[in-house]
Amino acid sequence: MSEMMVLLGDKYGIESKPTGDTLDDIDPKNLNCMKYKLNKLQADRDFILRVMTKTYQNLCIERDFQYLTDSVNEILRKYEHLYHLAEEELKNKMQRREANKQLRQLRNHIKSVTYDSNSEIESLRSQVEDMELKARTRERYVEGWQRSRTEQNQQTLYDKEKGPTQTILDLKRKAELEQRVHAEIELLTTININETLGKVENWIAKYETDMESIDLRIQVMKNDYESLQNKNQRLEETIKEHAESINNWNTFKNEREAARKHCEKMHNSAVIIQAWWRGLLVRNQLGPYKPVKKKGGASKSSEKSKKK
């Protein structure tokens, strides 16, 4: 039952996961978790069950308990290996402690050397700052002297060139004013031209849109007129057809009435003629109304009737 999943996988051709080291899935920082404890308990139970089963098989088949002996020897070897690992771990702890001690000493030495180096760097930095201050002071003095000499020379040149320079500035100002006025006039003219062109373009666009709308309305009115004309034509044709059908119907009614009157007249005439004919036959005792001759008295009575 413990290997049932493996057997089912072999039966149905399912690839089994590659079996690696059992210690790969163990987290050394979480060795006291409940999962590892339960797995260890299950492994111990499986080991005891397997040892008991194999020992029972050996006792039944071979009459010995070699498997039990091998299992005990294996457990002893594991205990010895664990003892050896514990000793190595103790040695490693001692070596790690010595290495940490040497590392602390080396760190302290590095800190002391770093402190000395920082102090020397600070002293050199202070000297450099002092030199920089001196250089800046000298530079400011030299710059001030150069500025004063430059201002003096510029003032001398200004005094000499003041008159021509003023004249040149006045002429330049006039030229600039004229150029500004000319530019403003040109700008105003350009603005007016642009506005006029814009208005012209707007009126042209408006004319085109109006013409398009008028053409569209004309076309719409034309289509409406054509549709109305077609409708009127269809209505006239319909009226003509209705008038023709009414005339035909009136003619048919008149003909039918004339035929009915003719039939009625013929029927009345036939009735009158038949009545006259039957009356004539009855009065003259002709045809089916002819009296039947009887023997003896019948003849006498008929003769009397004739005499009457």
Protein backbone atom coordinates (compact mmCIF):
# COMPACT_ATOMS: atom_id res chain seq x y z
CA MET A 1 0.00 0.00 0.00
CA SER A 2 2.92 2.40 0.66
CA GLU A 3 4.17 1.88 -2.91
CA MET A 4 0.70 1.79 -4.50
CA MET A 5 1.12 5.11 -6.34
CA VAL A 6 4.45 3.98 -7.82
CA LEU A 7 2.93 0.67 -8.94
CA LEU A 8 -0.09 2.41 -10.51
CA GLY A 9 2.24 4.81 -12.33
CA ASP A 10 4.28 1.90 -13.73
CA LYS A 11 1.07 0.12 -14.78
CA TYR A 12 -0.39 3.08 -16.72
CA GLY A 13 2.92 4.39 -18.10
CA ILE A 14 3.17 7.56 -15.99
CA GLU A 15 6.62 9.03 -15.71
CA SER A 16 7.85 9.07 -12.15
CA LYS A 17 9.65 12.05 -10.67
CA PRO A 18 13.44 11.76 -10.56
CA THR A 19 14.56 10.66 -7.11
CA GLY A 20 17.36 12.80 -5.78
CA ASP A 21 18.85 13.31 -2.37
CA THR A 22 16.28 13.25 0.45
CA LEU A 23 18.04 16.21 2.07
CA ASP A 24 17.30 18.52 -0.90
CA ASP A 25 13.72 19.17 0.27
CA ILE A 26 14.74 19.92 3.88
CA ASP A 27 15.08 23.48 5.09
CA PRO A 28 17.98 23.64 7.60
CA LYS A 29 16.51 26.80 9.15
CA ASN A 30 13.21 25.10 9.98
CA LEU A 31 14.20 21.68 11.28
CA ASN A 32 11.74 21.66 14.21
CA CYS A 33 8.58 22.03 12.12
CA MET A 34 5.74 19.56 12.56
CA LYS A 35 5.97 18.33 8.94
CA TYR A 36 9.52 16.99 9.38
CA LYS A 37 8.56 15.39 12.67
CA LEU A 38 5.59 13.60 11.15
CA ASN A 39 7.69 12.49 8.16
CA LYS A 40 10.36 11.14 10.57
CA LEU A 41 7.71 9.30 12.59
CA GLN A 42 6.22 7.78 9.43
CA ALA A 43 9.67 6.79 8.18
CA ASP A 44 10.48 5.11 11.52
CA ARG A 45 7.20 3.21 11.41
CA ASP A 46 7.82 2.09 7.84
CA PHE A 47 11.38 1.02 8.74
CA ILE A 48 10.20 -1.04 11.75
CA LEU A 49 7.42 -2.61 9.67
CA ARG A 50 9.84 -3.45 6.87
CA VAL A 51 12.38 -4.91 9.32
CA MET A 52 9.73 -7.03 11.04
CA THR A 53 8.35 -8.22 7.68
CA LYS A 54 11.77 -9.16 6.27
CA THR A 55 12.79 -10.79 9.56
CA TYR A 56 9.61 -12.85 9.57
CA GLN A 57 10.27 -13.87 5.95
CA ASN A 58 13.85 -14.92 6.82
CA LEU A 59 12.64 -16.91 9.84
CA CYS A 60 10.00 -18.65 7.72
CA ILE A 61 12.16 -19.33 4.68
CA GLU A 62 15.81 -19.49 5.81
CA ARG A 63 15.41 -20.13 9.58
CA ASP A 64 17.55 -17.13 10.57
CA PHE A 65 17.26 -13.39 11.26
CA GLN A 66 20.05 -12.07 9.08
CA TYR A 67 18.00 -9.08 7.91
CA LEU A 68 17.40 -8.04 11.51
CA THR A 69 21.14 -8.24 12.18
CA ASP A 70 21.91 -6.18 9.10
CA SER A 71 19.31 -3.61 10.11
CA VAL A 72 20.79 -3.34 13.63
CA ASN A 73 24.30 -2.99 12.17
CA GLU A 74 23.03 -0.32 9.81
CA ILE A 75 21.45 1.56 12.71
CA LEU A 76 24.74 1.33 14.63
CA ARG A 77 26.63 2.62 11.62
CA LYS A 78 24.19 5.49 11.38
CA TYR A 79 24.69 6.27 15.07
CA GLU A 80 28.47 6.19 14.59
CA HIS A 81 28.14 8.41 11.56
CA LEU A 82 25.96 10.82 13.53
CA TYR A 83 28.51 10.81 16.38
CA HIS A 84 31.27 11.52 13.85
CA LEU A 85 29.15 14.32 12.34
CA ALA A 86 28.56 15.78 15.82
CA GLU A 87 32.32 15.78 16.48
CA GLU A 88 32.96 17.43 13.13
CA GLU A 89 30.27 19.96 13.88
CA LEU A 90 31.91 20.70 17.25
CA LYS A 91 35.27 21.14 15.54
CA ASN A 92 33.69 23.37 12.92
CA LYS A 93 32.10 25.45 15.68
CA MET A 94 35.52 25.86 17.37
CA GLN A 95 37.11 26.82 14.06
CA ARG A 96 34.27 29.22 13.34
CA ARG A 97 34.70 30.78 16.80
CA GLU A 98 38.45 31.21 16.19
CA ALA A 99 37.75 32.63 12.73
CA ASN A 100 35.22 35.08 14.21
CA LYS A 101 37.78 36.09 16.81
CA GLN A 102 40.42 36.70 14.15
CA LEU A 103 37.84 38.55 12.06
CA ARG A 104 37.02 40.83 15.03
CA GLN A 105 40.71 41.49 15.61
CA LEU A 106 41.22 42.22 11.93
CA ARG A 107 38.14 44.49 11.95
CA ASN A 108 39.48 46.38 14.98
CA HIS A 109 42.85 46.75 13.27
CA ILE A 110 41.14 48.02 10.12
CA LYS A 111 39.10 50.46 12.20
CA SER A 112 42.24 51.81 13.93
CA VAL A 113 44.08 52.16 10.61
CA THR A 114 40.98 53.79 9.11
CA TYR A 115 40.77 56.23 12.04
CA ASP A 116 44.44 57.20 11.61
CA SER A 117 43.96 57.59 7.88
CA ASN A 118 40.83 59.70 8.42
CA SER A 119 42.69 61.95 10.89
CA GLU A 120 45.51 62.46 8.37
CA ILE A 121 42.96 63.10 5.62
CA GLU A 122 41.20 65.66 7.82
CA SER A 123 44.48 67.46 8.54
CA LEU A 124 45.35 67.50 4.83
CA ARG A 125 41.81 68.67 4.02
CA SER A 126 42.13 71.53 6.52
CA GLN A 127 45.47 72.55 4.95
CA VAL A 128 43.91 72.41 1.49
CA GLU A 129 40.99 74.55 2.69
CA ASP A 130 43.41 77.09 4.15
CA MET A 131 45.28 77.22 0.86
CA GLU A 132 42.01 77.58 -1.00
CA LEU A 133 41.02 80.49 1.26
CA LYS A 134 44.36 82.19 0.67
CA ALA A 135 44.07 81.61 -3.08
CA ARG A 136 40.51 82.98 -3.11
CA THR A 137 41.64 86.05 -1.14
CA ARG A 138 44.45 86.70 -3.60
CA GLU A 139 42.14 86.09 -6.50
CA ARG A 140 39.55 88.54 -5.14
CA TYR A 141 42.27 91.15 -4.61
CA VAL A 142 43.57 90.68 -8.15
CA GLU A 143 40.04 90.73 -9.58
CA GLY A 144 39.24 93.93 -7.67
CA TRP A 145 42.40 95.60 -8.92
CA GLN A 146 41.68 94.50 -12.49
CA ARG A 147 38.07 95.70 -12.19
CA SER A 148 39.14 99.10 -10.91
CA ARG A 149 41.70 99.49 -13.72
CA THR A 150 39.13 98.36 -16.27
CA GLU A 151 36.52 100.80 -14.97
CA GLN A 152 39.10 103.59 -15.03
CA ASN A 153 40.02 102.84 -18.65
CA GLN A 154 36.36 102.47 -19.64
CA GLN A 155 35.54 105.84 -18.02
CA THR A 156 38.38 107.48 -19.91
CA LEU A 157 37.18 105.98 -23.19
CA TYR A 158 33.61 106.96 -22.39
CA ASP A 159 34.60 110.56 -21.76
CA LYS A 160 36.41 110.67 -25.10
CA GLU A 161 33.65 108.95 -27.09
CA LYS A 162 30.66 110.52 -25.33
CA GLY A 163 29.85 113.13 -28.00
CA PRO A 164 30.07 110.89 -31.11
CA THR A 165 28.39 108.08 -29.26
CA GLN A 166 25.45 110.30 -28.28
CA THR A 167 25.05 111.45 -31.88
CA ILE A 168 25.19 107.86 -33.12
CA LEU A 169 22.63 106.82 -30.52
CA ASP A 170 20.27 109.65 -31.53
CA LEU A 171 20.53 108.69 -35.20
CA LYS A 172 20.08 105.04 -34.35
CA ARG A 173 17.03 105.87 -32.23
CA LYS A 174 15.51 107.87 -35.09
CA ALA A 175 16.23 105.06 -37.53
CA GLU A 176 14.66 102.58 -35.15
CA LEU A 177 11.60 104.81 -34.73
CA GLU A 178 11.22 105.18 -38.48
CA GLN A 179 11.68 101.48 -38.98
CA ARG A 180 9.15 100.76 -36.21
CA VAL A 181 6.63 103.17 -37.76
CA HIS A 182 7.21 101.64 -41.17
CA ALA A 183 6.84 98.15 -39.71
CA GLU A 184 3.63 99.13 -37.89
CA ILE A 185 2.19 100.71 -41.06
CA GLU A 186 3.15 97.63 -43.05
CA LEU A 187 1.68 95.44 -40.33
CA LEU A 188 -1.59 97.42 -40.36
CA THR A 189 -1.71 97.24 -44.15
CA THR A 190 -1.03 93.52 -44.05
CA ILE A 191 -3.72 93.05 -41.39
CA ASN A 192 -6.24 95.01 -43.49
CA ILE A 193 -5.32 93.03 -46.59
CA ASN A 194 -5.60 89.78 -44.69
CA GLU A 195 -8.94 90.82 -43.22
CA THR A 196 -10.20 91.80 -46.68
CA LEU A 197 -8.95 88.52 -48.13
CA GLY A 198 -10.56 86.66 -45.24
CA LYS A 199 -13.86 88.43 -45.85
CA VAL A 200 -13.60 87.71 -49.57
CA GLU A 201 -12.87 84.05 -48.84
CA ASN A 202 -15.75 83.95 -46.38
CA TRP A 203 -18.12 85.52 -48.94
CA ILE A 204 -16.87 83.13 -51.61
CA ALA A 205 -17.34 80.19 -49.27
CA LYS A 206 -20.76 81.52 -48.28
CA TYR A 207 -21.66 82.01 -51.97
CA GLU A 208 -20.57 78.47 -52.73
CA THR A 209 -22.48 77.05 -49.78
CA ASP A 210 -25.54 79.13 -50.68
CA MET A 211 -25.32 78.03 -54.31
CA GLU A 212 -24.95 74.43 -53.22
CA SER A 213 -27.94 74.76 -50.88
CA ILE A 214 -29.96 76.52 -53.63
CA ASP A 215 -29.00 73.82 -56.15
CA LEU A 216 -29.92 71.21 -53.61
CA ARG A 217 -33.28 72.85 -52.93
CA ILE A 218 -33.89 73.25 -56.68
CA GLN A 219 -33.08 69.60 -57.20
CA VAL A 220 -35.33 68.66 -54.28
CA MET A 221 -38.16 70.85 -55.64
CA LYS A 222 -37.58 69.41 -59.11
CA ASN A 223 -37.77 65.89 -57.73
CA ASP A 224 -40.91 66.86 -55.79
CA TYR A 225 -42.44 68.40 -58.92
CA GLU A 226 -41.59 65.32 -60.97
CA SER A 227 -43.00 63.06 -58.27
CA LEU A 228 -46.15 65.23 -58.07
CA GLN A 229 -46.45 65.21 -61.86
CA ASN A 230 -46.06 61.44 -61.92
CA LYS A 231 -48.59 61.19 -59.13
CA ASN A 232 -51.03 63.46 -60.96
CA GLN A 233 -50.56 61.44 -64.13
CA ARG A 234 -51.19 58.22 -62.22
CA LEU A 235 -54.25 59.82 -60.59
CA GLU A 236 -55.57 60.98 -63.98
CA GLU A 237 -55.08 57.51 -65.39
CA THR A 238 -56.81 56.09 -62.33
CA ILE A 239 -59.69 58.58 -62.75
CA LYS A 240 -59.99 57.64 -66.44
CA GLU A 241 -59.99 53.95 -65.53
CA HIS A 242 -62.62 54.60 -62.84
CA ALA A 243 -64.73 56.66 -65.27
CA GLU A 244 -64.45 53.95 -67.92
CA SER A 245 -65.37 51.27 -65.39
CA ILE A 246 -68.35 53.40 -64.22
CA ASN A 247 -69.50 53.90 -67.82
CA ASN A 248 -69.15 50.19 -68.48
CA TRP A 249 -71.08 49.50 -65.31
CA ASN A 250 -73.85 51.93 -66.27
CA THR A 251 -74.03 50.44 -69.79
CA PHE A 252 -74.19 46.98 -68.27
CA LYS A 253 -76.97 48.06 -65.91
CA ASN A 254 -78.93 49.71 -68.72
CA GLU A 255 -78.53 46.66 -70.96
CA ARG A 256 -79.48 44.40 -68.09
CA GLU A 257 -82.54 46.55 -67.31
CA ALA A 258 -83.57 46.57 -70.99
CA ALA A 259 -83.13 42.81 -71.19
CA ARG A 260 -85.13 42.43 -67.98
CA LYS A 261 -87.92 44.67 -69.33
CA HIS A 262 -87.90 42.80 -72.67
CA CYS A 263 -88.05 39.47 -70.86
CA GLU A 264 -90.85 40.79 -68.64
CA LYS A 265 -92.76 42.14 -71.65
CA MET A 266 -92.31 38.87 -73.54
CA HIS A 267 -93.38 36.93 -70.47
CA ASN A 268 -96.51 39.11 -70.04
CA SER A 269 -97.29 38.79 -73.73
CA ALA A 270 -96.86 35.05 -73.58
CA VAL A 271 -99.10 34.93 -70.50
CA ILE A 272 -101.78 37.01 -72.26
CA ILE A 273 -101.56 34.88 -75.39
CA GLN A 274 -101.70 31.69 -73.40
CA ALA A 275 -104.65 33.00 -71.39
CA TRP A 276 -106.46 34.00 -74.59
CA TRP A 277 -105.69 30.65 -76.18
CA ARG A 278 -106.83 28.70 -73.18
CA GLY A 279 -109.99 30.77 -72.94
CA LEU A 280 -110.64 30.16 -76.60
CA LEU A 281 -110.12 26.45 -76.16
CA VAL A 282 -112.42 26.40 -73.14
CA ARG A 283 -115.14 28.45 -74.78
CA ASN A 284 -115.08 26.47 -78.01
CA GLN A 285 -114.44 23.20 -76.23
CA LEU A 286 -111.42 22.44 -78.29
CA GLY A 287 -108.43 20.34 -77.58
CA PRO A 288 -108.31 18.94 -74.10
CA TYR A 289 -111.52 20.79 -73.27
CA LYS A 290 -113.48 18.98 -75.94
CA PRO A 291 -116.46 17.18 -74.33
CA VAL A 292 -116.47 13.41 -74.35
CA LYS A 293 -119.42 11.72 -76.20
CA LYS A 294 -121.51 9.35 -74.07
CA LYS A 295 -123.89 6.60 -75.14
CA GLY A 296 -127.66 7.26 -75.06
CA GLY A 297 -128.56 9.96 -72.67
CA ALA A 298 -125.27 11.52 -73.05
CA SER A 299 -125.89 12.18 -76.72
CA LYS A 300 -129.26 13.62 -76.05
CA SER A 301 -128.01 15.87 -73.35
CA SER A 302 -125.25 17.03 -75.67
CA GLU A 303 -127.70 17.75 -78.40
CA LYS A 304 -129.88 19.69 -75.99
CA SER A 305 -126.90 21.64 -74.94
CA LYS A 306 -126.09 22.34 -78.54
CA LYS A 307 -129.60 23.49 -79.26
CA LYS A 308 -129.47 25.80 -76.35
